[in-house]
Amino acid sequence: MRRLHASTRRLRVALMLVLILILILILVLVLVLVLVLVLVLVLVLVGVAITATDFLARTRNSAEDSAPWP
């Protein structure tokens, strides 16, 4: 009976270790996913800012070009 009890204790410890490893893996995957999403968001915002400044520069230049000469 003691052998069975020791083996079930070892099995319980092994299952707890596996569960802890799976939780750590899930946590790492979630952190990587969040970092990737933040990187994509930053890249999109930078692209929108560059496009907006380029559009504003073009409209300002076209407004200056279409302005009548004094």
Foldseek 3Di string as FASTA:
>chain_A
DVVVVVVVVVVVVVVVVVVVVVVVVVVVVVVVVVVVVVVVVVVVVVVVVVVVVVVVVVVVVVVVVPDDDD
